[in-house]
Amino acid sequence: MWRRSCDLAEAIGTHRPSYEQIRRLVHREREIHDLPGSIDVVADVLFRVQSPLHAMDELIERSLVRQTHREIAMRERGWRPQA
């Protein structure tokens, strides 16, 4: 991923990203992708594993966690080295 990013940066004429920055972005994207989705909670309610009220609380919590991860990722994506 880092090598591809460096090639792209050179192709468009910008600074090459640091290995550490690309590593952070990849880890953040994986964290967001690995968060359980709402379909898991819906299946639990359908199969009566948990109550609908508990499921709603869990969906809200998961939504807030996802939103926080997305905000952090957007800040990291917008990071630019200071000239």
C-alpha atoms as a PDB file:
ATOM      1  CA  MET A   1       0.000   0.000   0.000  1.00  0.00           C
ATOM      2  CA  TRP A   2       2.817   2.390   0.882  1.00  0.00           C
ATOM      3  CA  ARG A   3       4.658   1.714  -2.376  1.00  0.00           C
ATOM      4  CA  ARG A   4       1.488   2.291  -4.377  1.00  0.00           C
ATOM      5  CA  SER A   5       0.872   5.513  -2.471  1.00  0.00           C
ATOM      6  CA  CYS A   6       4.394   6.706  -3.206  1.00  0.00           C
ATOM      7  CA  ASP A   7       4.012   5.873  -6.902  1.00  0.00           C
ATOM      8  CA  LEU A   8       0.715   7.751  -7.035  1.00  0.00           C
ATOM      9  CA  ALA A   9       2.183  10.754  -5.209  1.00  0.00           C
ATOM     10  CA  GLU A  10       5.061  10.918  -7.678  1.00  0.00           C
ATOM     11  CA  ALA A  11       2.666  10.561 -10.618  1.00  0.00           C
ATOM     12  CA  ILE A  12       0.540  13.508  -9.488  1.00  0.00           C
ATOM     13  CA  GLY A  13       3.522  15.562  -8.368  1.00  0.00           C
ATOM     14  CA  THR A  14       3.007  15.744  -4.599  1.00  0.00           C
ATOM     15  CA  HIS A  15       5.066  14.774  -1.570  1.00  0.00           C
ATOM     16  CA  ARG A  16       5.457  11.086  -0.857  1.00  0.00           C
ATOM     17  CA  PRO A  17       3.562   9.967   2.262  1.00  0.00           C
ATOM     18  CA  SER A  18       5.499   8.510   5.156  1.00  0.00           C
ATOM     19  CA  TYR A  19       5.320   4.800   5.831  1.00  0.00           C
ATOM     20  CA  GLU A  20       3.969   5.504   9.323  1.00  0.00           C
ATOM     21  CA  GLN A  21       1.119   7.680   8.022  1.00  0.00           C
ATOM     22  CA  ILE A  22       0.004   5.058   5.508  1.00  0.00           C
ATOM     23  CA  ARG A  23       0.241   2.395   8.203  1.00  0.00           C
ATOM     24  CA  ARG A  24      -2.035   4.422  10.493  1.00  0.00           C
ATOM     25  CA  LEU A  25      -4.587   4.996   7.747  1.00  0.00           C
ATOM     26  CA  VAL A  26      -4.665   1.311   6.804  1.00  0.00           C
ATOM     27  CA  HIS A  27      -5.134   0.268  10.433  1.00  0.00           C
ATOM     28  CA  ARG A  28      -7.924   2.813  10.912  1.00  0.00           C
ATOM     29  CA  GLU A  29      -9.735   1.626   7.778  1.00  0.00           C
ATOM     30  CA  ARG A  30      -9.464  -1.978   8.958  1.00  0.00           C
ATOM     31  CA  GLU A  31     -10.866  -1.033  12.361  1.00  0.00           C
ATOM     32  CA  ILE A  32     -13.857   0.661  10.726  1.00  0.00           C
ATOM     33  CA  HIS A  33     -14.411  -2.265   8.385  1.00  0.00           C
ATOM     34  CA  ASP A  34     -14.160  -4.830  11.209  1.00  0.00           C
ATOM     35  CA  LEU A  35     -16.802  -3.181  13.403  1.00  0.00           C
ATOM     36  CA  PRO A  36     -19.883  -5.379  13.610  1.00  0.00           C
ATOM     37  CA  GLY A  37     -22.752  -4.158  11.478  1.00  0.00           C
ATOM     38  CA  SER A  38     -26.393  -3.624  12.279  1.00  0.00           C
ATOM     39  CA  ILE A  39     -27.430  -6.847  10.525  1.00  0.00           C
ATOM     40  CA  ASP A  40     -25.892  -8.805  13.421  1.00  0.00           C
ATOM     41  CA  VAL A  41     -28.134  -7.022  15.896  1.00  0.00           C
ATOM     42  CA  VAL A  42     -31.223  -7.505  13.724  1.00  0.00           C
ATOM     43  CA  ALA A  43     -30.488 -11.232  13.495  1.00  0.00           C
ATOM     44  CA  ASP A  44     -30.155 -11.402  17.304  1.00  0.00           C
ATOM     45  CA  VAL A  45     -33.603  -9.829  17.705  1.00  0.00           C
ATOM     46  CA  LEU A  46     -35.165 -12.094  15.085  1.00  0.00           C
ATOM     47  CA  PHE A  47     -33.755 -15.181  16.747  1.00  0.00           C
ATOM     48  CA  ARG A  48     -34.670 -13.773  20.174  1.00  0.00           C
ATOM     49  CA  VAL A  49     -31.089 -13.728  21.419  1.00  0.00           C
ATOM     50  CA  GLN A  50     -31.618 -10.238  22.833  1.00  0.00           C
ATOM     51  CA  SER A  51     -34.519  -7.910  23.485  1.00  0.00           C
ATOM     52  CA  PRO A  52     -35.434  -5.184  20.982  1.00  0.00           C
ATOM     53  CA  LEU A  53     -34.666  -2.457  23.558  1.00  0.00           C
ATOM     54  CA  HIS A  54     -31.200  -3.853  24.201  1.00  0.00           C
ATOM     55  CA  ALA A  55     -30.690  -4.160  20.442  1.00  0.00           C
ATOM     56  CA  MET A  56     -31.584  -0.488  19.920  1.00  0.00           C
ATOM     57  CA  ASP A  57     -29.112   0.560  22.608  1.00  0.00           C
ATOM     58  CA  GLU A  58     -26.432  -1.547  20.946  1.00  0.00           C
ATOM     59  CA  LEU A  59     -27.184  -0.101  17.504  1.00  0.00           C
ATOM     60  CA  ILE A  60     -26.900   3.433  18.856  1.00  0.00           C
ATOM     61  CA  GLU A  61     -23.616   2.604  20.582  1.00  0.00           C
ATOM     62  CA  ARG A  62     -22.200   0.990  17.448  1.00  0.00           C
ATOM     63  CA  SER A  63     -23.276   3.979  15.396  1.00  0.00           C
ATOM     64  CA  LEU A  64     -21.450   6.352  17.745  1.00  0.00           C
ATOM     65  CA  VAL A  65     -18.314   4.202  17.659  1.00  0.00           C
ATOM     66  CA  ARG A  66     -18.378   4.102  13.851  1.00  0.00           C
ATOM     67  CA  GLN A  67     -18.908   7.861  13.690  1.00  0.00           C
ATOM     68  CA  THR A  68     -15.940   8.445  16.007  1.00  0.00           C
ATOM     69  CA  HIS A  69     -13.712   6.173  13.914  1.00  0.00           C
ATOM     70  CA  ARG A  70     -14.806   7.914  10.715  1.00  0.00           C
ATOM     71  CA  GLU A  71     -14.086  11.360  12.174  1.00  0.00           C
ATOM     72  CA  ILE A  72     -10.600  10.257  13.241  1.00  0.00           C
ATOM     73  CA  ALA A  73      -9.980   8.749   9.811  1.00  0.00           C
ATOM     74  CA  MET A  74     -11.111  11.931   8.071  1.00  0.00           C
ATOM     75  CA  ARG A  75      -8.748  14.017  10.226  1.00  0.00           C
ATOM     76  CA  GLU A  76      -5.888  11.631   9.425  1.00  0.00           C
ATOM     77  CA  ARG A  77      -6.703  11.662   5.705  1.00  0.00           C
ATOM     78  CA  GLY A  78      -6.618  15.433   5.729  1.00  0.00           C
ATOM     79  CA  TRP A  79      -3.204  15.539   7.393  1.00  0.00           C
ATOM     80  CA  ARG A  80      -0.599  17.364   5.367  1.00  0.00           C
ATOM     81  CA  PRO A  81       3.074  17.902   6.174  1.00  0.00           C
ATOM     82  CA  GLN A  82       3.860  21.459   7.095  1.00  0.00           C
ATOM     83  CA  ALA A  83       6.106  23.148   4.574  1.00  0.00           C
END
